[in-house]
Amino acid sequence: MTMSIDQKLMYAFRGWIAFVAFMDLGVAFRSFIEKRCFLGEYADDKSDQLIEQSDTTLPRSVLGMYSILSVIKL
């Protein structure tokens, strides 16, 4: 059974989408497990220094929910 070029391209594209969904699932899992978050607040508008947030629950949960919704969409 030979596959046409269109079928091979679609098969590769579906594999890539599955890989991206798997990576998003890992990000979602990691955002709910880790205590530290890379999302923070800037000290002021003129500074490029990123300060740590004292409570990182909201940014982590937003990132996790976004990743879960992305996995469902993909």
PDB file of N, CA and C in Angstrom:
ATOM      1  N   MET A   1       0.840  -1.169   0.000  1.00  0.00           N
ATOM      2  CA  MET A   1       0.000   0.000   0.000  1.00  0.00           C
ATOM      3  C   MET A   1       0.888   1.236   0.000  1.00  0.00           C
ATOM      4  N   THR A   2       0.754   2.036  -1.001  1.00  0.00           N
ATOM      5  CA  THR A   2       1.558   3.246  -1.096  1.00  0.00           C
ATOM      6  C   THR A   2       0.719   4.440  -0.686  1.00  0.00           C
ATOM      7  N   MET A   3       1.383   5.362  -0.014  1.00  0.00           N
ATOM      8  CA  MET A   3       0.714   6.577   0.419  1.00  0.00           C
ATOM      9  C   MET A   3       1.067   7.709  -0.542  1.00  0.00           C
ATOM     10  N   SER A   4       0.103   8.549  -0.804  1.00  0.00           N
ATOM     11  CA  SER A   4       0.381   9.688  -1.671  1.00  0.00           C
ATOM     12  C   SER A   4       1.098  10.768  -0.860  1.00  0.00           C
ATOM     13  N   ILE A   5       1.586  11.760  -1.547  1.00  0.00           N
ATOM     14  CA  ILE A   5       2.297  12.859  -0.897  1.00  0.00           C
ATOM     15  C   ILE A   5       1.370  13.600   0.065  1.00  0.00           C
ATOM     16  N   ASP A   6       0.114  13.783  -0.329  1.00  0.00           N
ATOM     17  CA  ASP A   6      -0.842  14.468   0.546  1.00  0.00           C
ATOM     18  C   ASP A   6      -1.059  13.707   1.846  1.00  0.00           C
ATOM     19  N   GLN A   7      -1.159  12.389   1.758  1.00  0.00           N
ATOM     20  CA  GLN A   7      -1.353  11.587   2.959  1.00  0.00           C
ATOM     21  C   GLN A   7      -0.125  11.623   3.861  1.00  0.00           C
ATOM     22  N   LYS A   8       1.057  11.595   3.269  1.00  0.00           N
ATOM     23  CA  LYS A   8       2.292  11.677   4.061  1.00  0.00           C
ATOM     24  C   LYS A   8       2.409  13.021   4.748  1.00  0.00           C
ATOM     25  N   LEU A   9       2.064  14.079   4.036  1.00  0.00           N
ATOM     26  CA  LEU A   9       2.124  15.418   4.608  1.00  0.00           C
ATOM     27  C   LEU A   9       1.128  15.566   5.756  1.00  0.00           C
ATOM     28  N   MET A  10      -0.074  15.048   5.584  1.00  0.00           N
ATOM     29  CA  MET A  10      -1.080  15.109   6.642  1.00  0.00           C
ATOM     30  C   MET A  10      -0.656  14.277   7.845  1.00  0.00           C
ATOM     31  N   TYR A  11      -0.052  13.137   7.620  1.00  0.00           N
ATOM     32  CA  TYR A  11       0.431  12.289   8.702  1.00  0.00           C
ATOM     33  C   TYR A  11       1.528  13.004   9.499  1.00  0.00           C
ATOM     34  N   ALA A  12       2.443  13.659   8.797  1.00  0.00           N
ATOM     35  CA  ALA A  12       3.509  14.406   9.470  1.00  0.00           C
ATOM     36  C   ALA A  12       2.937  15.600  10.236  1.00  0.00           C
ATOM     37  N   PHE A  13       1.967  16.268   9.661  1.00  0.00           N
ATOM     38  CA  PHE A  13       1.351  17.414  10.321  1.00  0.00           C
ATOM     39  C   PHE A  13       0.611  16.993  11.589  1.00  0.00           C
ATOM     40  N   ARG A  14      -0.101  15.872  11.536  1.00  0.00           N
ATOM     41  CA  ARG A  14      -0.781  15.377  12.732  1.00  0.00           C
ATOM     42  C   ARG A  14       0.225  14.966  13.806  1.00  0.00           C
ATOM     43  N   GLY A  15       1.348  14.408  13.400  1.00  0.00           N
ATOM     44  CA  GLY A  15       2.397  14.067  14.359  1.00  0.00           C
ATOM     45  C   GLY A  15       2.973  15.298  15.027  1.00  0.00           C
ATOM     46  N   TRP A  16       3.165  16.359  14.262  1.00  0.00           N
ATOM     47  CA  TRP A  16       3.686  17.611  14.828  1.00  0.00           C
ATOM     48  C   TRP A  16       2.686  18.210  15.812  1.00  0.00           C
ATOM     49  N   ILE A  17       1.398  18.188  15.478  1.00  0.00           N
ATOM     50  CA  ILE A  17       0.373  18.708  16.383  1.00  0.00           C
ATOM     51  C   ILE A  17       0.330  17.886  17.664  1.00  0.00           C
ATOM     52  N   ALA A  18       0.474  16.577  17.568  1.00  0.00           N
ATOM     53  CA  ALA A  18       0.498  15.727  18.762  1.00  0.00           C
ATOM     54  C   ALA A  18       1.715  16.040  19.622  1.00  0.00           C
ATOM     55  N   PHE A  19       2.858  16.311  18.997  1.00  0.00           N
ATOM     56  CA  PHE A  19       4.061  16.668  19.747  1.00  0.00           C
ATOM     57  C   PHE A  19       3.877  17.982  20.490  1.00  0.00           C
ATOM     58  N   VAL A  20       3.303  18.975  19.836  1.00  0.00           N
ATOM     59  CA  VAL A  20       3.066  20.276  20.472  1.00  0.00           C
ATOM     60  C   VAL A  20       2.065  20.129  21.615  1.00  0.00           C
ATOM     61  N   ALA A  21       1.030  19.330  21.431  1.00  0.00           N
ATOM     62  CA  ALA A  21       0.059  19.096  22.501  1.00  0.00           C
ATOM     63  C   ALA A  21       0.722  18.395  23.689  1.00  0.00           C
ATOM     64  N   PHE A  22       1.604  17.454  23.420  1.00  0.00           N
ATOM     65  CA  PHE A  22       2.326  16.769  24.497  1.00  0.00           C
ATOM     66  C   PHE A  22       3.214  17.748  25.261  1.00  0.00           C
ATOM     67  N   MET A  23       3.867  18.662  24.556  1.00  0.00           N
ATOM     68  CA  MET A  23       4.706  19.671  25.215  1.00  0.00           C
ATOM     69  C   MET A  23       3.851  20.605  26.074  1.00  0.00           C
ATOM     70  N   ASP A  24       2.682  21.009  25.585  1.00  0.00           N
ATOM     71  CA  ASP A  24       1.791  21.850  26.378  1.00  0.00           C
ATOM     72  C   ASP A  24       1.284  21.120  27.609  1.00  0.00           C
ATOM     73  N   LEU A  25       1.053  19.844  27.495  1.00  0.00           N
ATOM     74  CA  LEU A  25       0.631  19.056  28.646  1.00  0.00           C
ATOM     75  C   LEU A  25       1.743  19.027  29.701  1.00  0.00           C
ATOM     76  N   GLY A  26       2.973  18.929  29.250  1.00  0.00           N
ATOM     77  CA  GLY A  26       4.106  18.990  30.182  1.00  0.00           C
ATOM     78  C   GLY A  26       4.216  20.332  30.866  1.00  0.00           C
ATOM     79  N   VAL A  27       3.979  21.414  30.131  1.00  0.00           N
ATOM     80  CA  VAL A  27       4.007  22.758  30.727  1.00  0.00           C
ATOM     81  C   VAL A  27       2.898  22.893  31.762  1.00  0.00           C
ATOM     82  N   ALA A  28       1.711  22.378  31.454  1.00  0.00           N
ATOM     83  CA  ALA A  28       0.598  22.446  32.406  1.00  0.00           C
ATOM     84  C   ALA A  28       0.925  21.657  33.671  1.00  0.00           C
ATOM     85  N   PHE A  29       1.460  20.465  33.506  1.00  0.00           N
ATOM     86  CA  PHE A  29       1.826  19.646  34.664  1.00  0.00           C
ATOM     87  C   PHE A  29       2.895  20.340  35.503  1.00  0.00           C
ATOM     88  N   ARG A  30       3.877  20.905  34.830  1.00  0.00           N
ATOM     89  CA  ARG A  30       4.966  21.574  35.534  1.00  0.00           C
ATOM     90  C   ARG A  30       4.496  22.826  36.257  1.00  0.00           C
ATOM     91  N   SER A  31       3.545  23.559  35.672  1.00  0.00           N
ATOM     92  CA  SER A  31       3.091  24.788  36.310  1.00  0.00           C
ATOM     93  C   SER A  31       2.294  24.504  37.578  1.00  0.00           C
ATOM     94  N   PHE A  32       1.653  23.341  37.662  1.00  0.00           N
ATOM     95  CA  PHE A  32       0.921  23.006  38.877  1.00  0.00           C
ATOM     96  C   PHE A  32       1.797  22.326  39.925  1.00  0.00           C
ATOM     97  N   ILE A  33       2.950  21.792  39.525  1.00  0.00           N
ATOM     98  CA  ILE A  33       3.825  21.085  40.461  1.00  0.00           C
ATOM     99  C   ILE A  33       4.872  22.019  41.077  1.00  0.00           C
ATOM    100  N   GLU A  34       5.524  22.835  40.238  1.00  0.00           N
ATOM    101  CA  GLU A  34       6.609  23.681  40.723  1.00  0.00           C
ATOM    102  C   GLU A  34       6.089  24.811  41.601  1.00  0.00           C
ATOM    103  N   LYS A  35       6.890  25.192  42.572  1.00  0.00           N
ATOM    104  CA  LYS A  35       6.535  26.306  43.440  1.00  0.00           C
ATOM    105  C   LYS A  35       7.009  27.634  42.863  1.00  0.00           C
ATOM    106  N   ARG A  36       8.100  27.593  42.119  1.00  0.00           N
ATOM    107  CA  ARG A  36       8.683  28.801  41.549  1.00  0.00           C
ATOM    108  C   ARG A  36       8.037  29.102  40.213  1.00  0.00           C
ATOM    109  N   CYS A  37       7.906  30.382  39.878  1.00  0.00           N
ATOM    110  CA  CYS A  37       7.275  30.765  38.625  1.00  0.00           C
ATOM    111  C   CYS A  37       8.188  31.750  37.900  1.00  0.00           C
ATOM    112  N   PHE A  38       8.302  31.604  36.589  1.00  0.00           N
ATOM    113  CA  PHE A  38       9.144  32.523  35.838  1.00  0.00           C
ATOM    114  C   PHE A  38       8.415  33.826  35.526  1.00  0.00           C
ATOM    115  N   LEU A  39       7.112  33.867  35.743  1.00  0.00           N
ATOM    116  CA  LEU A  39       6.365  35.099  35.544  1.00  0.00           C
ATOM    117  C   LEU A  39       6.525  35.975  36.780  1.00  0.00           C
ATOM    118  N   GLY A  40       6.838  37.212  36.595  1.00  0.00           N
ATOM    119  CA  GLY A  40       7.031  38.116  37.720  1.00  0.00           C
ATOM    120  C   GLY A  40       6.553  39.505  37.377  1.00  0.00           C
ATOM    121  N   GLU A  41       6.921  40.469  38.201  1.00  0.00           N
ATOM    122  CA  GLU A  41       6.551  41.853  37.988  1.00  0.00           C
ATOM    123  C   GLU A  41       7.826  42.680  37.834  1.00  0.00           C
ATOM    124  N   TYR A  42       7.749  43.698  36.996  1.00  0.00           N
ATOM    125  CA  TYR A  42       8.878  44.606  36.851  1.00  0.00           C
ATOM    126  C   TYR A  42       8.861  45.627  37.972  1.00  0.00           C
ATOM    127  N   ALA A  43      10.056  46.024  38.409  1.00  0.00           N
ATOM    128  CA  ALA A  43      10.163  46.958  39.523  1.00  0.00           C
ATOM    129  C   ALA A  43       9.533  48.306  39.170  1.00  0.00           C
ATOM    130  N   ASP A  44       9.858  48.859  38.023  1.00  0.00           N
ATOM    131  CA  ASP A  44       9.213  50.062  37.513  1.00  0.00           C
ATOM    132  C   ASP A  44       9.334  50.082  36.002  1.00  0.00           C
ATOM    133  N   ASP A  45       8.786  51.099  35.378  1.00  0.00           N
ATOM    134  CA  ASP A  45       8.769  51.136  33.915  1.00  0.00           C
ATOM    135  C   ASP A  45      10.158  51.317  33.314  1.00  0.00           C
ATOM    136  N   LYS A  46      11.054  51.983  34.024  1.00  0.00           N
ATOM    137  CA  LYS A  46      12.387  52.266  33.478  1.00  0.00           C
ATOM    138  C   LYS A  46      13.383  51.147  33.740  1.00  0.00           C
ATOM    139  N   SER A  47      13.007  50.209  34.584  1.00  0.00           N
ATOM    140  CA  SER A  47      13.926  49.144  34.971  1.00  0.00           C
ATOM    141  C   SER A  47      13.616  47.867  34.198  1.00  0.00           C
ATOM    142  N   ASP A  48      14.656  47.151  33.850  1.00  0.00           N
ATOM    143  CA  ASP A  48      14.495  45.853  33.204  1.00  0.00           C
ATOM    144  C   ASP A  48      14.604  44.705  34.199  1.00  0.00           C
ATOM    145  N   GLN A  49      14.718  45.059  35.484  1.00  0.00           N
ATOM    146  CA  GLN A  49      14.896  44.042  36.505  1.00  0.00           C
ATOM    147  C   GLN A  49      13.554  43.417  36.871  1.00  0.00           C
ATOM    148  N   LEU A  50      13.500  42.108  36.830  1.00  0.00           N
ATOM    149  CA  LEU A  50      12.286  41.356  37.142  1.00  0.00           C
ATOM    150  C   LEU A  50      12.356  40.916  38.593  1.00  0.00           C
ATOM    151  N   ILE A  51      11.338  41.277  39.376  1.00  0.00           N
ATOM    152  CA  ILE A  51      11.336  40.906  40.793  1.00  0.00           C
ATOM    153  C   ILE A  51      10.452  39.684  40.992  1.00  0.00           C
ATOM    154  N   GLU A  52      10.770  38.899  41.996  1.00  0.00           N
ATOM    155  CA  GLU A  52       9.992  37.697  42.312  1.00  0.00           C
ATOM    156  C   GLU A  52       8.688  38.092  42.988  1.00  0.00           C
ATOM    157  N   GLN A  53       7.637  37.382  42.679  1.00  0.00           N
ATOM    158  CA  GLN A  53       6.369  37.606  43.353  1.00  0.00           C
ATOM    159  C   GLN A  53       6.335  36.784  44.631  1.00  0.00           C
ATOM    160  N   SER A  54       5.681  37.346  45.652  1.00  0.00           N
ATOM    161  CA  SER A  54       5.595  36.599  46.905  1.00  0.00           C
ATOM    162  C   SER A  54       4.607  35.440  46.778  1.00  0.00           C
ATOM    163  N   ASP A  55       3.500  35.655  46.063  1.00  0.00           N
ATOM    164  CA  ASP A  55       2.518  34.589  45.856  1.00  0.00           C
ATOM    165  C   ASP A  55       2.435  34.300  44.363  1.00  0.00           C
ATOM    166  N   THR A  56       2.906  33.139  43.957  1.00  0.00           N
ATOM    167  CA  THR A  56       2.964  32.813  42.526  1.00  0.00           C
ATOM    168  C   THR A  56       1.827  31.892  42.094  1.00  0.00           C
ATOM    169  N   THR A  57       0.799  31.794  42.918  1.00  0.00           N
ATOM    170  CA  THR A  57      -0.290  30.874  42.607  1.00  0.00           C
ATOM    171  C   THR A  57      -1.062  31.301  41.369  1.00  0.00           C
ATOM    172  N   LEU A  58      -1.417  32.565  41.269  1.00  0.00           N
ATOM    173  CA  LEU A  58      -2.225  33.029  40.143  1.00  0.00           C
ATOM    174  C   LEU A  58      -1.506  32.899  38.801  1.00  0.00           C
ATOM    175  N   PRO A  59      -0.265  33.381  38.661  1.00  0.00           N
ATOM    176  CA  PRO A  59       0.387  33.208  37.357  1.00  0.00           C
ATOM    177  C   PRO A  59       0.582  31.748  36.958  1.00  0.00           C
ATOM    178  N   ARG A  60       0.905  30.897  37.929  1.00  0.00           N
ATOM    179  CA  ARG A  60       1.092  29.486  37.618  1.00  0.00           C
ATOM    180  C   ARG A  60      -0.215  28.836  37.202  1.00  0.00           C
ATOM    181  N   SER A  61      -1.313  29.180  37.884  1.00  0.00           N
ATOM    182  CA  SER A  61      -2.586  28.552  37.538  1.00  0.00           C
ATOM    183  C   SER A  61      -3.104  29.065  36.196  1.00  0.00           C
ATOM    184  N   VAL A  62      -2.856  30.345  35.879  1.00  0.00           N
ATOM    185  CA  VAL A  62      -3.271  30.876  34.581  1.00  0.00           C
ATOM    186  C   VAL A  62      -2.499  30.194  33.455  1.00  0.00           C
ATOM    187  N   LEU A  63      -1.191  30.050  33.631  1.00  0.00           N
ATOM    188  CA  LEU A  63      -0.377  29.364  32.629  1.00  0.00           C
ATOM    189  C   LEU A  63      -0.797  27.910  32.487  1.00  0.00           C
ATOM    190  N   GLY A  64      -1.077  27.252  33.603  1.00  0.00           N
ATOM    191  CA  GLY A  64      -1.505  25.856  33.555  1.00  0.00           C
ATOM    192  C   GLY A  64      -2.841  25.677  32.858  1.00  0.00           C
ATOM    193  N   MET A  65      -3.795  26.544  33.159  1.00  0.00           N
ATOM    194  CA  MET A  65      -5.105  26.438  32.518  1.00  0.00           C
ATOM    195  C   MET A  65      -5.017  26.769  31.035  1.00  0.00           C
ATOM    196  N   TYR A  66      -4.191  27.749  30.682  1.00  0.00           N
ATOM    197  CA  TYR A  66      -4.000  28.068  29.266  1.00  0.00           C
ATOM    198  C   TYR A  66      -3.405  26.862  28.522  1.00  0.00           C
ATOM    199  N   SER A  67      -2.446  26.211  29.144  1.00  0.00           N
ATOM    200  CA  SER A  67      -1.819  25.051  28.510  1.00  0.00           C
ATOM    201  C   SER A  67      -2.804  23.890  28.370  1.00  0.00           C
ATOM    202  N   ILE A  68      -3.639  23.685  29.380  1.00  0.00           N
ATOM    203  CA  ILE A  68      -4.637  22.621  29.294  1.00  0.00           C
ATOM    204  C   ILE A  68      -5.640  22.916  28.190  1.00  0.00           C
ATOM    205  N   LEU A  69      -6.084  24.163  28.090  1.00  0.00           N
ATOM    206  CA  LEU A  69      -7.016  24.526  27.019  1.00  0.00           C
ATOM    207  C   LEU A  69      -6.366  24.385  25.641  1.00  0.00           C
ATOM    208  N   SER A  70      -5.084  24.690  25.569  1.00  0.00           N
ATOM    209  CA  SER A  70      -4.361  24.524  24.298  1.00  0.00           C
ATOM    210  C   SER A  70      -4.277  23.053  23.917  1.00  0.00           C
ATOM    211  N   VAL A  71      -4.037  22.182  24.890  1.00  0.00           N
ATOM    212  CA  VAL A  71      -3.988  20.741  24.618  1.00  0.00           C
ATOM    213  C   VAL A  71      -5.340  20.246  24.118  1.00  0.00           C
ATOM    214  N   ILE A  72      -6.404  20.715  24.760  1.00  0.00           N
ATOM    215  CA  ILE A  72      -7.750  20.286  24.340  1.00  0.00           C
ATOM    216  C   ILE A  72      -8.031  20.775  22.914  1.00  0.00           C
ATOM    217  N   LYS A  73      -7.628  22.012  22.636  1.00  0.00           N
ATOM    218  CA  LYS A  73      -7.867  22.574  21.312  1.00  0.00           C
ATOM    219  C   LYS A  73      -7.089  21.807  20.252  1.00  0.00           C
ATOM    220  N   LEU A  74      -5.842  21.481  20.557  1.00  0.00           N
ATOM    221  CA  LEU A  74      -5.019  20.758  19.576  1.00  0.00           C
ATOM    222  C   LEU A  74      -5.503  19.331  19.421  1.00  0.00           C
TER     223      LEU A  74
END
